[in-house]
Amino acid sequence: ELNSIFQNNYPDIPKDFTLSKLRKLKHLSLMLCQPSIVFPSIHISLKNAKTVDYDIGTLALAFCYFERLALYGHVNKGNRKIVCADCLFIAYKFNQLCEVSSVEKTMALETILEELNTLFGVAPDRTIANEIEVLVALEFSLLVPYNQYIEHIFWILKKLDTNLQTYLGEAMYESYYKALHYDELCGKEEEEEEEETGDGRELGSDIVETFDEADEAPHE
């Protein structure tokens, strides 16, 4: 029934690419960020594999790329795994490769390609060969608007049983909060300066709710 609703809501997505297949791809992708995570119905694991540090933010970018391609009708049952693998590979190169030292770049790319092969059964040479096709489909537009990106961040954090404050750390979270609520904080400071007495408005943060599907719970 959920697959039918999904198809009705997104008619441009080929009917053979169902919500169930999308969920499984996203769950497999989570293992890049947390190799120890397992799902009862997925008999694939990166627990004993050589891995690279794959950031939650990078995974959120990859999800944005993949869902954009799906909405444009570029993803179907037959190519879903290689497209997903390429989105994950492209996101890593775009968002994290610059943090890797020059001497370790080649090794990092080889490692992530092997991880993608383990997760999706896509050989490294196929991922590399298909990369340009995915980039063209994305129109080489790899920057993602905040409002699209952050929803994926919260979904990933929920699945990994953590939160934004823990992920960012205290100092970075404080900077993020101040940037997000800059106008409110400035307004409150002005009120405090102008008013000697009276009840001050309590600063609240926007609550972003993403209605997640009833998925199986991951286990360590």
C-alpha atoms as a PDB file:
ATOM      1  CA  GLU A   1       0.000   0.000   0.000  1.00  0.00           C
ATOM      2  CA  LEU A   2       2.826   2.430   0.833  1.00  0.00           C
ATOM      3  CA  ASN A   3       4.432   1.647  -2.508  1.00  0.00           C
ATOM      4  CA  SER A   4       1.169   2.588  -4.258  1.00  0.00           C
ATOM      5  CA  ILE A   5       0.940   5.869  -2.353  1.00  0.00           C
ATOM      6  CA  PHE A   6       4.576   6.584  -3.231  1.00  0.00           C
ATOM      7  CA  GLN A   7       3.902   5.975  -6.929  1.00  0.00           C
ATOM      8  CA  ASN A   8       0.794   8.154  -6.885  1.00  0.00           C
ATOM      9  CA  ASN A   9       2.635  10.992  -5.176  1.00  0.00           C
ATOM     10  CA  TYR A  10       5.607  10.798  -7.550  1.00  0.00           C
ATOM     11  CA  PRO A  11       4.269   9.778 -10.980  1.00  0.00           C
ATOM     12  CA  ASP A  12       7.519  10.712 -12.774  1.00  0.00           C
ATOM     13  CA  ILE A  13       9.409   7.988 -10.918  1.00  0.00           C
ATOM     14  CA  PRO A  14       9.332   4.677 -12.829  1.00  0.00           C
ATOM     15  CA  LYS A  15       6.881   2.258 -11.261  1.00  0.00           C
ATOM     16  CA  ASP A  16       9.515  -0.463 -10.867  1.00  0.00           C
ATOM     17  CA  PHE A  17      11.468   1.777  -8.473  1.00  0.00           C
ATOM     18  CA  THR A  18       9.392   1.389  -5.337  1.00  0.00           C
ATOM     19  CA  LEU A  19       9.516   2.988  -1.903  1.00  0.00           C
ATOM     20  CA  SER A  20      10.800  -0.301  -0.484  1.00  0.00           C
ATOM     21  CA  LYS A  21      13.809  -0.194  -2.816  1.00  0.00           C
ATOM     22  CA  LEU A  22      14.503   3.433  -1.894  1.00  0.00           C
ATOM     23  CA  ARG A  23      14.417   2.593   1.818  1.00  0.00           C
ATOM     24  CA  LYS A  24      16.842  -0.272   1.420  1.00  0.00           C
ATOM     25  CA  LEU A  25      19.307   1.878  -0.507  1.00  0.00           C
ATOM     26  CA  LYS A  26      19.212   4.524   2.214  1.00  0.00           C
ATOM     27  CA  HIS A  27      19.717   1.930   4.950  1.00  0.00           C
ATOM     28  CA  LEU A  28      22.688   0.428   3.129  1.00  0.00           C
ATOM     29  CA  SER A  29      24.142   3.906   2.712  1.00  0.00           C
ATOM     30  CA  LEU A  30      23.939   4.533   6.458  1.00  0.00           C
ATOM     31  CA  MET A  31      26.617   1.879   6.920  1.00  0.00           C
ATOM     32  CA  LEU A  32      29.168   4.211   5.340  1.00  0.00           C
ATOM     33  CA  CYS A  33      28.794   6.564   8.315  1.00  0.00           C
ATOM     34  CA  GLN A  34      28.524   3.817  10.908  1.00  0.00           C
ATOM     35  CA  PRO A  35      30.013   0.503   9.694  1.00  0.00           C
ATOM     36  CA  SER A  36      28.871  -1.299  12.841  1.00  0.00           C
ATOM     37  CA  ILE A  37      25.182  -0.684  12.153  1.00  0.00           C
ATOM     38  CA  VAL A  38      23.099  -3.633  10.926  1.00  0.00           C
ATOM     39  CA  PHE A  39      19.487  -4.136   9.907  1.00  0.00           C
ATOM     40  CA  PRO A  40      17.710  -7.454  10.544  1.00  0.00           C
ATOM     41  CA  SER A  41      16.567  -7.880   6.936  1.00  0.00           C
ATOM     42  CA  ILE A  42      19.855  -6.785   5.310  1.00  0.00           C
ATOM     43  CA  HIS A  43      22.579  -9.413   5.197  1.00  0.00           C
ATOM     44  CA  ILE A  44      25.368  -7.033   4.206  1.00  0.00           C
ATOM     45  CA  SER A  45      27.816  -5.415   6.586  1.00  0.00           C
ATOM     46  CA  LEU A  46      30.945  -3.275   6.626  1.00  0.00           C
ATOM     47  CA  LYS A  47      31.877  -4.403  10.131  1.00  0.00           C
ATOM     48  CA  ASN A  48      35.061  -6.173   9.078  1.00  0.00           C
ATOM     49  CA  ALA A  49      35.838  -4.076   6.010  1.00  0.00           C
ATOM     50  CA  LYS A  50      38.414  -1.374   5.559  1.00  0.00           C
ATOM     51  CA  THR A  51      36.541   1.931   5.615  1.00  0.00           C
ATOM     52  CA  VAL A  52      37.036   5.668   5.284  1.00  0.00           C
ATOM     53  CA  ASP A  53      35.513   8.333   7.503  1.00  0.00           C
ATOM     54  CA  TYR A  54      32.233   9.142   5.748  1.00  0.00           C
ATOM     55  CA  ASP A  55      30.579  12.210   7.224  1.00  0.00           C
ATOM     56  CA  ILE A  56      26.852  12.528   7.958  1.00  0.00           C
ATOM     57  CA  GLY A  57      26.802  15.773   6.001  1.00  0.00           C
ATOM     58  CA  THR A  58      28.302  14.008   2.992  1.00  0.00           C
ATOM     59  CA  LEU A  59      25.610  11.322   3.175  1.00  0.00           C
ATOM     60  CA  ALA A  60      22.914  14.008   3.307  1.00  0.00           C
ATOM     61  CA  LEU A  61      24.349  15.522   0.127  1.00  0.00           C
ATOM     62  CA  ALA A  62      24.330  12.131  -1.581  1.00  0.00           C
ATOM     63  CA  PHE A  63      20.689  11.597  -0.620  1.00  0.00           C
ATOM     64  CA  CYS A  64      19.819  15.000  -2.116  1.00  0.00           C
ATOM     65  CA  TYR A  65      21.559  14.073  -5.367  1.00  0.00           C
ATOM     66  CA  PHE A  66      19.917  10.666  -5.563  1.00  0.00           C
ATOM     67  CA  GLU A  67      16.402  11.902  -4.797  1.00  0.00           C
ATOM     68  CA  ARG A  68      16.782  14.719  -7.332  1.00  0.00           C
ATOM     69  CA  LEU A  69      17.660  12.159  -9.995  1.00  0.00           C
ATOM     70  CA  ALA A  70      14.778   9.936  -8.911  1.00  0.00           C
ATOM     71  CA  LEU A  71      12.306  12.812  -9.174  1.00  0.00           C
ATOM     72  CA  TYR A  72      13.635  13.607 -12.658  1.00  0.00           C
ATOM     73  CA  GLY A  73      12.910  10.009 -13.664  1.00  0.00           C
ATOM     74  CA  HIS A  74      16.566   8.968 -14.015  1.00  0.00           C
ATOM     75  CA  VAL A  75      16.368   6.103 -11.490  1.00  0.00           C
ATOM     76  CA  ASN A  76      14.725   2.742 -12.103  1.00  0.00           C
ATOM     77  CA  LYS A  77      14.937  -0.784 -10.748  1.00  0.00           C
ATOM     78  CA  GLY A  78      17.790  -1.709 -13.062  1.00  0.00           C
ATOM     79  CA  ASN A  79      20.133   1.212 -12.430  1.00  0.00           C
ATOM     80  CA  ARG A  80      19.233   2.195  -8.850  1.00  0.00           C
ATOM     81  CA  LYS A  81      22.336   0.667  -7.254  1.00  0.00           C
ATOM     82  CA  ILE A  82      24.914   2.164  -9.583  1.00  0.00           C
ATOM     83  CA  VAL A  83      23.227   5.581  -9.489  1.00  0.00           C
ATOM     84  CA  CYS A  84      23.156   5.478  -5.702  1.00  0.00           C
ATOM     85  CA  ALA A  85      26.799   4.366  -5.579  1.00  0.00           C
ATOM     86  CA  ASP A  86      27.824   7.228  -7.857  1.00  0.00           C
ATOM     87  CA  CYS A  87      25.886   9.793  -5.818  1.00  0.00           C
ATOM     88  CA  LEU A  88      27.688   8.598  -2.690  1.00  0.00           C
ATOM     89  CA  PHE A  89      31.041   8.661  -4.491  1.00  0.00           C
ATOM     90  CA  ILE A  90      30.484  12.135  -5.951  1.00  0.00           C
ATOM     91  CA  ALA A  91      29.333  13.532  -2.600  1.00  0.00           C
ATOM     92  CA  TYR A  92      32.477  12.186  -0.915  1.00  0.00           C
ATOM     93  CA  LYS A  93      34.756  13.726  -3.524  1.00  0.00           C
ATOM     94  CA  PHE A  94      32.911  17.037  -3.400  1.00  0.00           C
ATOM     95  CA  ASN A  95      32.553  17.375   0.367  1.00  0.00           C
ATOM     96  CA  GLN A  96      35.404  15.461   1.986  1.00  0.00           C
ATOM     97  CA  LEU A  97      38.260  14.628  -0.353  1.00  0.00           C
ATOM     98  CA  CYS A  98      39.829  18.053   0.195  1.00  0.00           C
ATOM     99  CA  GLU A  99      40.312  17.106   3.857  1.00  0.00           C
ATOM    100  CA  VAL A 100      42.424  14.074   2.929  1.00  0.00           C
ATOM    101  CA  SER A 101      46.173  14.532   2.542  1.00  0.00           C
ATOM    102  CA  SER A 102      47.565  14.334  -0.990  1.00  0.00           C
ATOM    103  CA  VAL A 103      49.418  11.084  -0.359  1.00  0.00           C
ATOM    104  CA  GLU A 104      46.260   9.418   0.994  1.00  0.00           C
ATOM    105  CA  LYS A 105      43.747  10.611  -1.608  1.00  0.00           C
ATOM    106  CA  THR A 106      44.190   7.636  -3.952  1.00  0.00           C
ATOM    107  CA  MET A 107      43.892   5.153  -1.102  1.00  0.00           C
ATOM    108  CA  ALA A 108      40.775   6.894   0.237  1.00  0.00           C
ATOM    109  CA  LEU A 109      39.067   6.750  -3.157  1.00  0.00           C
ATOM    110  CA  GLU A 110      39.997   3.096  -3.654  1.00  0.00           C
ATOM    111  CA  THR A 111      38.618   2.291  -0.197  1.00  0.00           C
ATOM    112  CA  ILE A 112      35.287   4.063  -0.717  1.00  0.00           C
ATOM    113  CA  LEU A 113      34.900   2.342  -4.087  1.00  0.00           C
ATOM    114  CA  GLU A 114      35.401  -1.046  -2.428  1.00  0.00           C
ATOM    115  CA  GLU A 115      32.867  -0.146   0.264  1.00  0.00           C
ATOM    116  CA  LEU A 116      30.326   0.752  -2.420  1.00  0.00           C
ATOM    117  CA  ASN A 117      31.067  -2.551  -4.160  1.00  0.00           C
ATOM    118  CA  THR A 118      30.354  -4.410  -0.907  1.00  0.00           C
ATOM    119  CA  LEU A 119      27.114  -2.531  -0.265  1.00  0.00           C
ATOM    120  CA  PHE A 120      25.652  -2.373  -3.769  1.00  0.00           C
ATOM    121  CA  GLY A 121      27.528  -4.980  -5.783  1.00  0.00           C
ATOM    122  CA  VAL A 122      28.845  -2.344  -8.185  1.00  0.00           C
ATOM    123  CA  ALA A 123      32.457  -2.885  -9.283  1.00  0.00           C
ATOM    124  CA  PRO A 124      34.781   0.125  -8.871  1.00  0.00           C
ATOM    125  CA  ASP A 125      35.406   0.454 -12.624  1.00  0.00           C
ATOM    126  CA  ARG A 126      31.634   0.635 -13.270  1.00  0.00           C
ATOM    127  CA  THR A 127      31.194   3.338 -10.638  1.00  0.00           C
ATOM    128  CA  ILE A 128      33.979   5.402 -12.187  1.00  0.00           C
ATOM    129  CA  ALA A 129      32.703   4.846 -15.745  1.00  0.00           C
ATOM    130  CA  ASN A 130      29.173   5.938 -14.821  1.00  0.00           C
ATOM    131  CA  GLU A 131      30.238   8.970 -12.749  1.00  0.00           C
ATOM    132  CA  ILE A 132      30.189  11.488 -15.607  1.00  0.00           C
ATOM    133  CA  GLU A 133      26.703  10.361 -16.653  1.00  0.00           C
ATOM    134  CA  VAL A 134      25.388  11.039 -13.150  1.00  0.00           C
ATOM    135  CA  LEU A 135      27.136  14.420 -13.032  1.00  0.00           C
ATOM    136  CA  VAL A 136      25.549  15.386 -16.339  1.00  0.00           C
ATOM    137  CA  ALA A 137      22.125  14.334 -15.059  1.00  0.00           C
ATOM    138  CA  LEU A 138      22.749  16.509 -12.003  1.00  0.00           C
ATOM    139  CA  GLU A 139      23.797  19.313 -14.377  1.00  0.00           C
ATOM    140  CA  PHE A 140      27.026  19.515 -12.345  1.00  0.00           C
ATOM    141  CA  SER A 141      25.008  21.326  -9.667  1.00  0.00           C
ATOM    142  CA  LEU A 142      26.397  19.899  -6.428  1.00  0.00           C
ATOM    143  CA  LEU A 143      25.540  22.680  -3.972  1.00  0.00           C
ATOM    144  CA  VAL A 144      22.279  21.960  -2.154  1.00  0.00           C
ATOM    145  CA  PRO A 145      19.907  24.485  -0.507  1.00  0.00           C
ATOM    146  CA  TYR A 146      19.896  24.345   3.290  1.00  0.00           C
ATOM    147  CA  ASN A 147      16.182  23.517   3.549  1.00  0.00           C
ATOM    148  CA  GLN A 148      16.676  20.359   1.445  1.00  0.00           C
ATOM    149  CA  TYR A 149      19.915  19.340   3.093  1.00  0.00           C
ATOM    150  CA  ILE A 150      18.917  19.685   6.748  1.00  0.00           C
ATOM    151  CA  GLU A 151      15.929  17.343   6.519  1.00  0.00           C
ATOM    152  CA  HIS A 152      18.251  14.537   5.456  1.00  0.00           C
ATOM    153  CA  ILE A 153      20.664  15.414   8.271  1.00  0.00           C
ATOM    154  CA  PHE A 154      17.941  14.970  10.873  1.00  0.00           C
ATOM    155  CA  TRP A 155      16.758  11.704   9.284  1.00  0.00           C
ATOM    156  CA  ILE A 156      20.293  10.293   9.363  1.00  0.00           C
ATOM    157  CA  LEU A 157      20.890  11.428  12.954  1.00  0.00           C
ATOM    158  CA  LYS A 158      17.644   9.766  14.022  1.00  0.00           C
ATOM    159  CA  LYS A 159      18.582   6.499  12.333  1.00  0.00           C
ATOM    160  CA  LEU A 160      22.032   6.564  13.934  1.00  0.00           C
ATOM    161  CA  ASP A 161      20.453   7.256  17.328  1.00  0.00           C
ATOM    162  CA  THR A 162      22.223  10.562  17.897  1.00  0.00           C
ATOM    163  CA  ASN A 163      21.427  14.271  17.624  1.00  0.00           C
ATOM    164  CA  LEU A 164      22.749  17.421  16.022  1.00  0.00           C
ATOM    165  CA  GLN A 165      24.410  18.728  19.174  1.00  0.00           C
ATOM    166  CA  THR A 166      26.376  15.519  19.668  1.00  0.00           C
ATOM    167  CA  TYR A 167      27.301  15.372  15.989  1.00  0.00           C
ATOM    168  CA  LEU A 168      28.548  18.964  15.782  1.00  0.00           C
ATOM    169  CA  GLY A 169      30.060  19.269  19.236  1.00  0.00           C
ATOM    170  CA  GLU A 170      29.280  22.035  21.710  1.00  0.00           C
ATOM    171  CA  ALA A 171      31.297  24.856  20.112  1.00  0.00           C
ATOM    172  CA  MET A 172      30.121  24.262  16.542  1.00  0.00           C
ATOM    173  CA  TYR A 173      26.537  23.671  17.657  1.00  0.00           C
ATOM    174  CA  GLU A 174      26.517  27.017  19.472  1.00  0.00           C
ATOM    175  CA  SER A 175      27.799  28.762  16.337  1.00  0.00           C
ATOM    176  CA  TYR A 176      25.186  26.955  14.228  1.00  0.00           C
ATOM    177  CA  TYR A 177      22.399  27.922  16.624  1.00  0.00           C
ATOM    178  CA  LYS A 178      23.457  31.559  16.675  1.00  0.00           C
ATOM    179  CA  ALA A 179      23.632  31.702  12.881  1.00  0.00           C
ATOM    180  CA  LEU A 180      20.232  30.028  12.521  1.00  0.00           C
ATOM    181  CA  HIS A 181      18.576  32.372  15.029  1.00  0.00           C
ATOM    182  CA  TYR A 182      20.631  35.488  14.370  1.00  0.00           C
ATOM    183  CA  ASP A 183      17.657  37.845  13.956  1.00  0.00           C
ATOM    184  CA  GLU A 184      15.912  36.499  17.050  1.00  0.00           C
ATOM    185  CA  LEU A 185      19.059  36.770  19.168  1.00  0.00           C
ATOM    186  CA  CYS A 186      19.727  40.345  18.010  1.00  0.00           C
ATOM    187  CA  GLY A 187      16.131  41.287  18.737  1.00  0.00           C
ATOM    188  CA  LYS A 188      16.311  39.804  22.205  1.00  0.00           C
ATOM    189  CA  GLU A 189      19.551  41.632  22.995  1.00  0.00           C
ATOM    190  CA  GLU A 190      17.985  44.934  21.919  1.00  0.00           C
ATOM    191  CA  GLU A 191      14.931  44.300  24.096  1.00  0.00           C
ATOM    192  CA  GLU A 192      17.111  43.516  27.083  1.00  0.00           C
ATOM    193  CA  GLU A 193      19.053  46.741  26.567  1.00  0.00           C
ATOM    194  CA  GLU A 194      15.914  48.889  26.196  1.00  0.00           C
ATOM    195  CA  GLU A 195      13.797  47.327  28.942  1.00  0.00           C
ATOM    196  CA  GLU A 196      14.896  47.470  32.530  1.00  0.00           C
ATOM    197  CA  THR A 197      11.898  45.513  33.754  1.00  0.00           C
ATOM    198  CA  GLY A 198       9.186  43.308  32.316  1.00  0.00           C
ATOM    199  CA  ASP A 199       8.878  39.747  31.112  1.00  0.00           C
ATOM    200  CA  GLY A 200      11.327  38.896  28.368  1.00  0.00           C
ATOM    201  CA  ARG A 201      10.293  36.639  25.543  1.00  0.00           C
ATOM    202  CA  GLU A 202      11.813  33.221  25.836  1.00  0.00           C
ATOM    203  CA  LEU A 203      13.836  32.298  22.794  1.00  0.00           C
ATOM    204  CA  GLY A 204      12.653  29.076  21.207  1.00  0.00           C
ATOM    205  CA  SER A 205      14.077  27.089  18.332  1.00  0.00           C
ATOM    206  CA  ASP A 206      12.114  25.907  15.352  1.00  0.00           C
ATOM    207  CA  ILE A 207      11.251  22.246  15.537  1.00  0.00           C
ATOM    208  CA  VAL A 208      11.792  20.377  12.323  1.00  0.00           C
ATOM    209  CA  GLU A 209       9.635  17.274  12.171  1.00  0.00           C
ATOM    210  CA  THR A 210      10.229  14.727   9.507  1.00  0.00           C
ATOM    211  CA  PHE A 211       7.639  11.994   9.426  1.00  0.00           C
ATOM    212  CA  ASP A 212       9.712   8.895   9.033  1.00  0.00           C
ATOM    213  CA  GLU A 213       8.265   5.653   7.763  1.00  0.00           C
ATOM    214  CA  ALA A 214       7.837   2.735  10.136  1.00  0.00           C
ATOM    215  CA  ASP A 215      11.207   1.186   9.411  1.00  0.00           C
ATOM    216  CA  GLU A 216      12.904  -1.635  11.187  1.00  0.00           C
ATOM    217  CA  ALA A 217      15.200  -0.517  13.943  1.00  0.00           C
ATOM    218  CA  PRO A 218      18.950  -0.745  13.347  1.00  0.00           C
ATOM    219  CA  HIS A 219      21.163  -2.621  15.778  1.00  0.00           C
ATOM    220  CA  GLU A 220      24.800  -2.387  16.713  1.00  0.00           C
END
